C-alpha atoms as a PDB file:
ATOM      1  CA  MET A   1      -4.277  14.445  17.430  1.00  0.00           C
ATOM      2  CA  GLU A   2      -5.308  10.802  17.846  1.00  0.00           C
ATOM      3  CA  GLU A   3      -8.766   9.651  16.844  1.00  0.00           C
ATOM      4  CA  LYS A   4     -10.717   6.408  16.511  1.00  0.00           C
ATOM      5  CA  VAL A   5     -13.149   5.105  13.919  1.00  0.00           C
ATOM      6  CA  ASN A   6     -14.911   1.770  13.405  1.00  0.00           C
ATOM      7  CA  ILE A   7     -14.185   0.138  10.034  1.00  0.00           C
ATOM      8  CA  LYS A   8     -15.425  -3.351   9.109  1.00  0.00           C
ATOM      9  CA  GLY A   9     -16.345  -3.889  12.785  1.00  0.00           C
ATOM     10  CA  LEU A  10     -12.772  -3.065  13.879  1.00  0.00           C
ATOM     11  CA  ASN A  11     -11.635  -0.224  16.119  1.00  0.00           C
ATOM     12  CA  ILE A  12      -9.082   1.709  14.093  1.00  0.00           C
ATOM     13  CA  TYR A  13      -6.865   4.337  15.674  1.00  0.00           C
ATOM     14  CA  TYR A  14      -5.293   7.050  13.562  1.00  0.00           C
ATOM     15  CA  LYS A  15      -3.407  10.303  13.901  1.00  0.00           C
ATOM     16  CA  VAL A  16      -4.082  13.582  12.116  1.00  0.00           C
ATOM     17  CA  LEU A  17      -1.498  16.356  11.830  1.00  0.00           C
ATOM     18  CA  GLY A  18      -2.027  19.645  10.033  1.00  0.00           C
ATOM     19  CA  GLU A  19      -4.937  21.862   9.043  1.00  0.00           C
ATOM     20  CA  GLY A  20      -8.513  20.639   8.589  1.00  0.00           C
ATOM     21  CA  LYS A  21      -9.614  19.223   5.246  1.00  0.00           C
ATOM     22  CA  THR A  22     -11.955  22.101   4.342  1.00  0.00           C
ATOM     23  CA  SER A  23      -9.055  24.555   4.136  1.00  0.00           C
ATOM     24  CA  LEU A  24      -6.830  22.486   1.856  1.00  0.00           C
ATOM     25  CA  PRO A  25      -6.785  22.162  -1.946  1.00  0.00           C
ATOM     26  CA  THR A  26      -6.853  18.780  -3.679  1.00  0.00           C
ATOM     27  CA  GLY A  27      -3.726  16.724  -3.097  1.00  0.00           C
ATOM     28  CA  ARG A  28      -2.682  18.461   0.120  1.00  0.00           C
ATOM     29  CA  GLN A  29      -4.010  15.607   2.244  1.00  0.00           C
ATOM     30  CA  VAL A  30      -1.518  12.789   2.625  1.00  0.00           C
ATOM     31  CA  LEU A  31      -2.585   9.340   3.825  1.00  0.00           C
ATOM     32  CA  ILE A  32       0.376   7.263   5.048  1.00  0.00           C
ATOM     33  CA  LEU A  33       0.249   3.449   5.143  1.00  0.00           C
ATOM     34  CA  HIS A  34       3.018   2.110   7.368  1.00  0.00           C
ATOM     35  CA  GLY A  35       4.999  -1.081   6.875  1.00  0.00           C
ATOM     36  CA  TRP A  36       4.681  -4.524   8.461  1.00  0.00           C
ATOM     37  CA  GLY A  37       5.266  -4.500  12.216  1.00  0.00           C
ATOM     38  CA  SER A  38       5.130  -0.706  12.308  1.00  0.00           C
ATOM     39  CA  LYS A  39       2.527   1.817  13.505  1.00  0.00           C
ATOM     40  CA  SER A  40       1.522   5.450  13.185  1.00  0.00           C
ATOM     41  CA  ASP A  41       3.805   6.555  16.052  1.00  0.00           C
ATOM     42  CA  ARG A  42       6.892   5.806  13.981  1.00  0.00           C
ATOM     43  CA  TRP A  43       5.828   8.270  11.274  1.00  0.00           C
ATOM     44  CA  GLN A  44       5.328  11.218  13.624  1.00  0.00           C
ATOM     45  CA  THR A  45       8.481  13.099  12.652  1.00  0.00           C
ATOM     46  CA  THR A  46       7.796  12.789   8.922  1.00  0.00           C
ATOM     47  CA  ALA A  47       4.177  13.831   9.480  1.00  0.00           C
ATOM     48  CA  LYS A  48       5.190  16.881  11.506  1.00  0.00           C
ATOM     49  CA  LEU A  49       7.599  17.991   8.790  1.00  0.00           C
ATOM     50  CA  LEU A  50       4.936  17.585   6.102  1.00  0.00           C
ATOM     51  CA  SER A  51       2.250  19.345   8.128  1.00  0.00           C
ATOM     52  CA  GLY A  52       4.676  22.205   8.639  1.00  0.00           C
ATOM     53  CA  ARG A  53       4.794  22.580   4.857  1.00  0.00           C
ATOM     54  CA  GLY A  54       1.033  22.971   4.506  1.00  0.00           C
ATOM     55  CA  PHE A  55      -0.146  19.358   4.301  1.00  0.00           C
ATOM     56  CA  GLN A  56      -2.690  17.545   6.407  1.00  0.00           C
ATOM     57  CA  VAL A  57      -1.259  14.109   7.232  1.00  0.00           C
ATOM     58  CA  ILE A  58      -3.390  11.141   8.278  1.00  0.00           C
ATOM     59  CA  ILE A  59      -1.757   7.945   9.569  1.00  0.00           C
ATOM     60  CA  PRO A  60      -3.862   4.955  10.615  1.00  0.00           C
ATOM     61  CA  ASP A  61      -2.612   2.011  12.591  1.00  0.00           C
ATOM     62  CA  LEU A  62      -3.483  -0.598   9.971  1.00  0.00           C
ATOM     63  CA  PRO A  63      -5.615  -3.525  11.203  1.00  0.00           C
ATOM     64  CA  GLY A  64      -3.395  -5.874  13.201  1.00  0.00           C
ATOM     65  CA  PHE A  65      -0.856  -3.184  14.133  1.00  0.00           C
ATOM     66  CA  GLY A  66      -0.419  -0.506  16.765  1.00  0.00           C
ATOM     67  CA  GLN A  67      -3.590   0.069  18.782  1.00  0.00           C
ATOM     68  CA  SER A  68      -5.989  -1.052  16.047  1.00  0.00           C
ATOM     69  CA  ASP A  69      -7.891  -4.330  16.293  1.00  0.00           C
ATOM     70  CA  ASP A  70      -6.706  -7.458  14.521  1.00  0.00           C
ATOM     71  CA  PRO A  71      -8.675  -8.535  11.435  1.00  0.00           C
ATOM     72  CA  ASN A  72     -11.440 -11.021  12.217  1.00  0.00           C
ATOM     73  CA  LYS A  73     -10.246 -13.327   9.439  1.00  0.00           C
ATOM     74  CA  VAL A  74      -7.060 -13.917   7.449  1.00  0.00           C
ATOM     75  CA  TRP A  75      -6.723 -10.786   5.339  1.00  0.00           C
ATOM     76  CA  GLY A  76      -4.931 -10.390   2.020  1.00  0.00           C
ATOM     77  CA  PHE A  77      -4.240  -7.323  -0.098  1.00  0.00           C
ATOM     78  CA  ASN A  78      -7.838  -7.222  -1.368  1.00  0.00           C
ATOM     79  CA  ASP A  79      -9.051  -6.855   2.204  1.00  0.00           C
ATOM     80  CA  TYR A  80      -6.502  -4.165   3.069  1.00  0.00           C
ATOM     81  CA  SER A  81      -7.401  -2.252  -0.100  1.00  0.00           C
ATOM     82  CA  ASP A  82     -11.097  -2.419   0.809  1.00  0.00           C
ATOM     83  CA  PHE A  83     -10.199  -1.207   4.301  1.00  0.00           C
ATOM     84  CA  VAL A  84      -8.337   1.810   2.903  1.00  0.00           C
ATOM     85  CA  ASN A  85     -11.357   2.722   0.776  1.00  0.00           C
ATOM     86  CA  GLU A  86     -13.754   2.488   3.711  1.00  0.00           C
ATOM     87  CA  PHE A  87     -11.344   4.465   5.887  1.00  0.00           C
ATOM     88  CA  ILE A  88     -11.142   7.247   3.272  1.00  0.00           C
ATOM     89  CA  ASN A  89     -14.933   7.276   2.948  1.00  0.00           C
ATOM     90  CA  SER A  90     -15.432   7.396   6.710  1.00  0.00           C
ATOM     91  CA  LEU A  91     -13.230  10.504   6.923  1.00  0.00           C
ATOM     92  CA  GLU A  92     -15.072  12.028   3.943  1.00  0.00           C
ATOM     93  CA  LEU A  93     -11.824  12.555   2.058  1.00  0.00           C
ATOM     94  CA  LYS A  94     -12.087  13.344  -1.634  1.00  0.00           C
ATOM     95  CA  LYS A  95      -8.853  12.951  -3.568  1.00  0.00           C
ATOM     96  CA  ILE A  96      -5.698  12.191  -1.600  1.00  0.00           C
ATOM     97  CA  SER A  97      -1.980  11.788  -1.939  1.00  0.00           C
ATOM     98  CA  LEU A  98      -1.232   8.218  -0.853  1.00  0.00           C
ATOM     99  CA  LEU A  99       2.119   7.142   0.597  1.00  0.00           C
ATOM    100  CA  GLY A 100       2.902   3.501   1.311  1.00  0.00           C
ATOM    101  CA  HIS A 101       6.073   2.133   2.890  1.00  0.00           C
ATOM    102  CA  SER A 102       7.226  -1.494   2.466  1.00  0.00           C
ATOM    103  CA  PHE A 103       4.120  -3.675   3.126  1.00  0.00           C
ATOM    104  CA  GLY A 104       2.066  -0.475   3.151  1.00  0.00           C
ATOM    105  CA  GLY A 105       3.481   0.222  -0.308  1.00  0.00           C
ATOM    106  CA  ASN A 106       1.925  -3.022  -1.527  1.00  0.00           C
ATOM    107  CA  VAL A 107      -1.439  -1.992  -0.092  1.00  0.00           C
ATOM    108  CA  ALA A 108      -1.036   1.397  -1.779  1.00  0.00           C
ATOM    109  CA  ILE A 109      -0.293  -0.267  -5.138  1.00  0.00           C
ATOM    110  CA  LYS A 110      -3.397  -2.463  -4.868  1.00  0.00           C
ATOM    111  CA  TYR A 111      -5.552   0.497  -3.845  1.00  0.00           C
ATOM    112  CA  SER A 112      -4.249   2.684  -6.673  1.00  0.00           C
ATOM    113  CA  VAL A 113      -5.282  -0.002  -9.173  1.00  0.00           C
ATOM    114  CA  ASP A 114      -8.688  -0.509  -7.506  1.00  0.00           C
ATOM    115  CA  HIS A 115      -9.515   3.195  -7.044  1.00  0.00           C
ATOM    116  CA  PRO A 116      -7.312   5.439  -9.205  1.00  0.00           C
ATOM    117  CA  GLU A 117      -9.985   8.153  -9.146  1.00  0.00           C
ATOM    118  CA  ARG A 118      -9.316   8.721  -5.423  1.00  0.00           C
ATOM    119  CA  ILE A 119      -5.575   9.369  -5.789  1.00  0.00           C
ATOM    120  CA  ASN A 120      -3.907  12.623  -6.742  1.00  0.00           C
ATOM    121  CA  GLN A 121      -0.345  11.334  -6.273  1.00  0.00           C
ATOM    122  CA  LEU A 122       1.116   7.968  -5.239  1.00  0.00           C
ATOM    123  CA  TYR A 123       4.357   7.685  -3.245  1.00  0.00           C
ATOM    124  CA  LEU A 124       5.983   4.254  -2.971  1.00  0.00           C
ATOM    125  CA  VAL A 125       8.716   4.192  -0.318  1.00  0.00           C
ATOM    126  CA  GLY A 126      10.751   0.975  -0.265  1.00  0.00           C
ATOM    127  CA  ALA A 127       7.656  -0.908  -1.454  1.00  0.00           C
ATOM    128  CA  ALA A 128       7.931  -4.698  -1.052  1.00  0.00           C
ATOM    129  CA  ALA A 129       6.177  -5.409  -4.355  1.00  0.00           C
ATOM    130  CA  ILE A 130       8.858  -7.681  -5.858  1.00  0.00           C
ATOM    131  CA  ARG A 131       9.298 -11.072  -4.234  1.00  0.00           C
ATOM    132  CA  GLU A 132      12.347 -13.211  -4.975  1.00  0.00           C
ATOM    133  CA  GLU A 133      13.083 -16.648  -3.536  1.00  0.00           C
ATOM    134  CA  SER A 134      16.826 -17.058  -3.117  1.00  0.00           C
ATOM    135  CA  LEU A 135      18.577 -20.433  -3.275  1.00  0.00           C
ATOM    136  CA  LYS A 136      19.888 -19.885   0.263  1.00  0.00           C
ATOM    137  CA  LYS A 137      16.383 -19.480   1.668  1.00  0.00           C
ATOM    138  CA  LYS A 138      15.127 -22.552  -0.201  1.00  0.00           C
ATOM    139  CA  VAL A 139      17.959 -24.697   1.201  1.00  0.00           C
ATOM    140  CA  ILE A 140      17.334 -23.492   4.754  1.00  0.00           C
ATOM    141  CA  TYR A 141      13.595 -24.132   4.492  1.00  0.00           C
ATOM    142  CA  ILE A 142      14.224 -27.659   3.172  1.00  0.00           C
ATOM    143  CA  LEU A 143      16.691 -28.435   5.974  1.00  0.00           C
ATOM    144  CA  ALA A 144      14.338 -27.098   8.618  1.00  0.00           C
ATOM    145  CA  LYS A 145      11.420 -29.110   7.253  1.00  0.00           C
ATOM    146  CA  THR A 146      13.443 -32.292   6.777  1.00  0.00           C
ATOM    147  CA  PHE A 147      15.215 -32.447  10.127  1.00  0.00           C
ATOM    148  CA  GLY A 148      12.787 -30.500  12.286  1.00  0.00           C
ATOM    149  CA  PHE A 149      15.624 -29.388  14.545  1.00  0.00           C
ATOM    150  CA  LEU A 150      14.498 -25.790  14.907  1.00  0.00           C
ATOM    151  CA  SER A 151      11.702 -26.604  17.335  1.00  0.00           C
ATOM    152  CA  PHE A 152      14.089 -28.272  19.740  1.00  0.00           C
ATOM    153  CA  VAL A 153      17.017 -25.878  19.707  1.00  0.00           C
ATOM    154  CA  PRO A 154      15.817 -22.325  20.431  1.00  0.00           C
ATOM    155  CA  TYR A 155      19.078 -20.589  19.569  1.00  0.00           C
ATOM    156  CA  LEU A 156      19.144 -22.305  16.152  1.00  0.00           C
ATOM    157  CA  LYS A 157      15.599 -21.059  15.571  1.00  0.00           C
ATOM    158  CA  LYS A 158      16.730 -17.487  16.275  1.00  0.00           C
ATOM    159  CA  ILE A 159      19.668 -17.855  13.874  1.00  0.00           C
ATOM    160  CA  PHE A 160      17.351 -19.314  11.222  1.00  0.00           C
ATOM    161  CA  TYR A 161      14.883 -16.426  11.472  1.00  0.00           C
ATOM    162  CA  ARG A 162      17.726 -13.900  11.385  1.00  0.00           C
ATOM    163  CA  ILE A 163      19.221 -15.442   8.231  1.00  0.00           C
ATOM    164  CA  ILE A 164      15.970 -15.485   6.283  1.00  0.00           C
ATOM    165  CA  LYS A 165      15.038 -12.010   7.602  1.00  0.00           C
ATOM    166  CA  THR A 166      11.439 -12.864   8.508  1.00  0.00           C
ATOM    167  CA  ASP A 167       8.992 -10.954  10.714  1.00  0.00           C
ATOM    168  CA  TYR A 168       6.993 -14.138  11.340  1.00  0.00           C
ATOM    169  CA  PRO A 169       8.160 -14.753  14.953  1.00  0.00           C
ATOM    170  CA  HIS A 170       7.201 -11.180  15.875  1.00  0.00           C
ATOM    171  CA  ALA A 171       3.638 -11.558  14.575  1.00  0.00           C
ATOM    172  CA  HIS A 172       0.850 -12.537  16.972  1.00  0.00           C
ATOM    173  CA  GLY A 173      -2.343 -14.554  16.718  1.00  0.00           C
ATOM    174  CA  ILE A 174      -4.124 -14.325  13.384  1.00  0.00           C
ATOM    175  CA  MET A 175      -1.459 -11.921  12.093  1.00  0.00           C
ATOM    176  CA  ARG A 176       0.912 -14.875  11.646  1.00  0.00           C
ATOM    177  CA  LYS A 177      -1.521 -16.323   9.102  1.00  0.00           C
ATOM    178  CA  VAL A 178      -1.926 -12.898   7.484  1.00  0.00           C
ATOM    179  CA  TYR A 179       1.865 -12.662   7.240  1.00  0.00           C
ATOM    180  CA  LEU A 180       2.113 -16.051   5.526  1.00  0.00           C
ATOM    181  CA  LYS A 181      -0.633 -15.017   3.089  1.00  0.00           C
ATOM    182  CA  VAL A 182       0.898 -11.707   2.024  1.00  0.00           C
ATOM    183  CA  ILE A 183       4.660 -12.267   2.366  1.00  0.00           C
ATOM    184  CA  LYS A 184       5.038 -14.302  -0.823  1.00  0.00           C
ATOM    185  CA  LYS A 185       2.592 -12.247  -2.873  1.00  0.00           C
ATOM    186  CA  ASP A 186       4.417 -10.707  -5.819  1.00  0.00           C
ATOM    187  CA  LEU A 187       2.633  -7.631  -7.178  1.00  0.00           C
ATOM    188  CA  SER A 188       4.685  -7.286 -10.362  1.00  0.00           C
ATOM    189  CA  SER A 189       1.666  -8.041 -12.531  1.00  0.00           C
ATOM    190  CA  LEU A 190      -0.249  -5.098 -11.025  1.00  0.00           C
ATOM    191  CA  LEU A 191       2.409  -2.479 -11.715  1.00  0.00           C
ATOM    192  CA  ASP A 192       1.521  -2.081 -15.408  1.00  0.00           C
ATOM    193  CA  ASN A 193      -2.005  -1.166 -14.276  1.00  0.00           C
ATOM    194  CA  VAL A 194      -0.958   1.715 -12.024  1.00  0.00           C
ATOM    195  CA  ASN A 195      -2.146   4.792 -13.919  1.00  0.00           C
ATOM    196  CA  VAL A 196      -1.722   7.561 -11.365  1.00  0.00           C
ATOM    197  CA  PRO A 197       1.284   9.915 -11.070  1.00  0.00           C
ATOM    198  CA  THR A 198       3.813   7.980  -8.982  1.00  0.00           C
ATOM    199  CA  THR A 199       6.989   8.906  -7.163  1.00  0.00           C
ATOM    200  CA  ILE A 200       9.189   5.985  -6.087  1.00  0.00           C
ATOM    201  CA  ILE A 201      11.481   6.853  -3.169  1.00  0.00           C
ATOM    202  CA  TRP A 202      14.227   4.423  -2.181  1.00  0.00           C
ATOM    203  CA  GLY A 203      17.229   4.180   0.102  1.00  0.00           C
ATOM    204  CA  GLU A 204      20.385   3.382  -1.861  1.00  0.00           C
ATOM    205  CA  LYS A 205      21.539   0.865   0.779  1.00  0.00           C
ATOM    206  CA  ASP A 206      18.162  -0.763   1.454  1.00  0.00           C
ATOM    207  CA  PRO A 207      18.873  -4.351   2.634  1.00  0.00           C
ATOM    208  CA  ILE A 208      15.197  -5.390   2.775  1.00  0.00           C
ATOM    209  CA  THR A 209      13.902  -4.224  -0.599  1.00  0.00           C
ATOM    210  CA  PRO A 210      17.020  -3.860  -2.756  1.00  0.00           C
ATOM    211  CA  LEU A 211      17.486  -0.907  -5.082  1.00  0.00           C
ATOM    212  CA  ARG A 212      17.095  -3.062  -8.194  1.00  0.00           C
ATOM    213  CA  HIS A 213      13.442  -3.545  -7.171  1.00  0.00           C
ATOM    214  CA  ALA A 214      12.969   0.223  -7.343  1.00  0.00           C
ATOM    215  CA  HIS A 215      14.230   0.226 -10.929  1.00  0.00           C
ATOM    216  CA  ILE A 216      11.870  -2.637 -11.841  1.00  0.00           C
ATOM    217  CA  ILE A 217       8.889  -0.784 -10.351  1.00  0.00           C
ATOM    218  CA  ASN A 218       9.954   2.427 -12.099  1.00  0.00           C
ATOM    219  CA  SER A 219      10.153   0.640 -15.460  1.00  0.00           C
ATOM    220  CA  LYS A 220       6.707  -0.940 -15.070  1.00  0.00           C
ATOM    221  CA  ILE A 221       4.735   2.073 -13.825  1.00  0.00           C
ATOM    222  CA  LYS A 222       4.390   4.306 -16.847  1.00  0.00           C
ATOM    223  CA  ASN A 223       3.870   7.672 -15.184  1.00  0.00           C
ATOM    224  CA  SER A 224       6.551   7.342 -12.506  1.00  0.00           C
ATOM    225  CA  LYS A 225       9.816   8.892 -11.415  1.00  0.00           C
ATOM    226  CA  LEU A 226      12.478   7.501  -9.101  1.00  0.00           C
ATOM    227  CA  GLU A 227      14.169   9.384  -6.254  1.00  0.00           C
ATOM    228  CA  ILE A 228      17.145   7.575  -4.677  1.00  0.00           C
ATOM    229  CA  ILE A 229      18.416   8.759  -1.303  1.00  0.00           C
ATOM    230  CA  PRO A 230      22.166   8.020  -1.009  1.00  0.00           C
ATOM    231  CA  LYS A 231      23.637   5.929   1.818  1.00  0.00           C
ATOM    232  CA  ILE A 232      20.242   5.258   3.429  1.00  0.00           C
ATOM    233  CA  GLY A 233      18.553   1.932   4.224  1.00  0.00           C
ATOM    234  CA  HIS A 234      14.953   0.722   4.350  1.00  0.00           C
ATOM    235  CA  ASN A 235      13.363   2.893   7.045  1.00  0.00           C
ATOM    236  CA  LEU A 236      13.677   6.341   5.530  1.00  0.00           C
ATOM    237  CA  HIS A 237      11.077   7.795   7.901  1.00  0.00           C
ATOM    238  CA  SER A 238      13.335   7.085  10.888  1.00  0.00           C
ATOM    239  CA  GLU A 239      16.783   7.264   9.253  1.00  0.00           C
ATOM    240  CA  CYS A 240      16.319  10.513   7.311  1.00  0.00           C
ATOM    241  CA  PRO A 241      12.810  11.996   7.663  1.00  0.00           C
ATOM    242  CA  GLY A 242      13.976  15.396   6.391  1.00  0.00           C
ATOM    243  CA  MET A 243      15.416  13.910   3.211  1.00  0.00           C
ATOM    244  CA  LEU A 244      12.275  11.823   2.730  1.00  0.00           C
ATOM    245  CA  VAL A 245      10.075  14.907   2.986  1.00  0.00           C
ATOM    246  CA  ASP A 246      12.371  16.762   0.556  1.00  0.00           C
ATOM    247  CA  ALA A 247      11.930  13.910  -1.936  1.00  0.00           C
ATOM    248  CA  ILE A 248       8.136  14.035  -1.487  1.00  0.00           C
ATOM    249  CA  LEU A 249       8.028  17.803  -2.019  1.00  0.00           C
ATOM    250  CA  LYS A 250      10.363  17.564  -4.995  1.00  0.00           C
END
């Protein structure tokens, strides 16, 4: 079921799968925060599997993604955390299980620090909380800035973006500025302050957020456990939704 709500003056679309909130005990409502460039549609299979196991699953299109409106200013993680809180309040949810994937994992981390009292269980799936600047990327950025050749040779621009693995060219309007604001934000310093039960779920072959990041997050969040899914990459919800749900239930 797709619904719409107005949050911070923005039209926000979201999907709800599973039984109504009045019939569920605490922790059986799962709020999913999707990754950068994604939307609620891409989590449908995972949501259906979870709802079939007695959960109510709620998936918003985060501001700037899917059918939801773009933010009216350049948002950072503080703004997205505030949005999540207002969204939860608008749906009159009490205490939820919160799942964040990739960029959504960063929002989930920030929210869990800001409002731990609202979270029963935190799930971090391939969370992009650790930011590392490789020498290769630094060299490419310097060359691009020095010679300015990328603007004149389109195919070189495509190669450049592919090498540095950036979503920037796929962003639109104000979301390009949002991307530049959040992409380099390292949340390592927040991890020690996460005080809710946390399950970290990671694909063994994740090329976007490498497995070593999962171990760092696991070591910093005191009350956490790590579930590694063998031979799987970054997008567990599309590559192996059944295995992802098994890890959540476990």
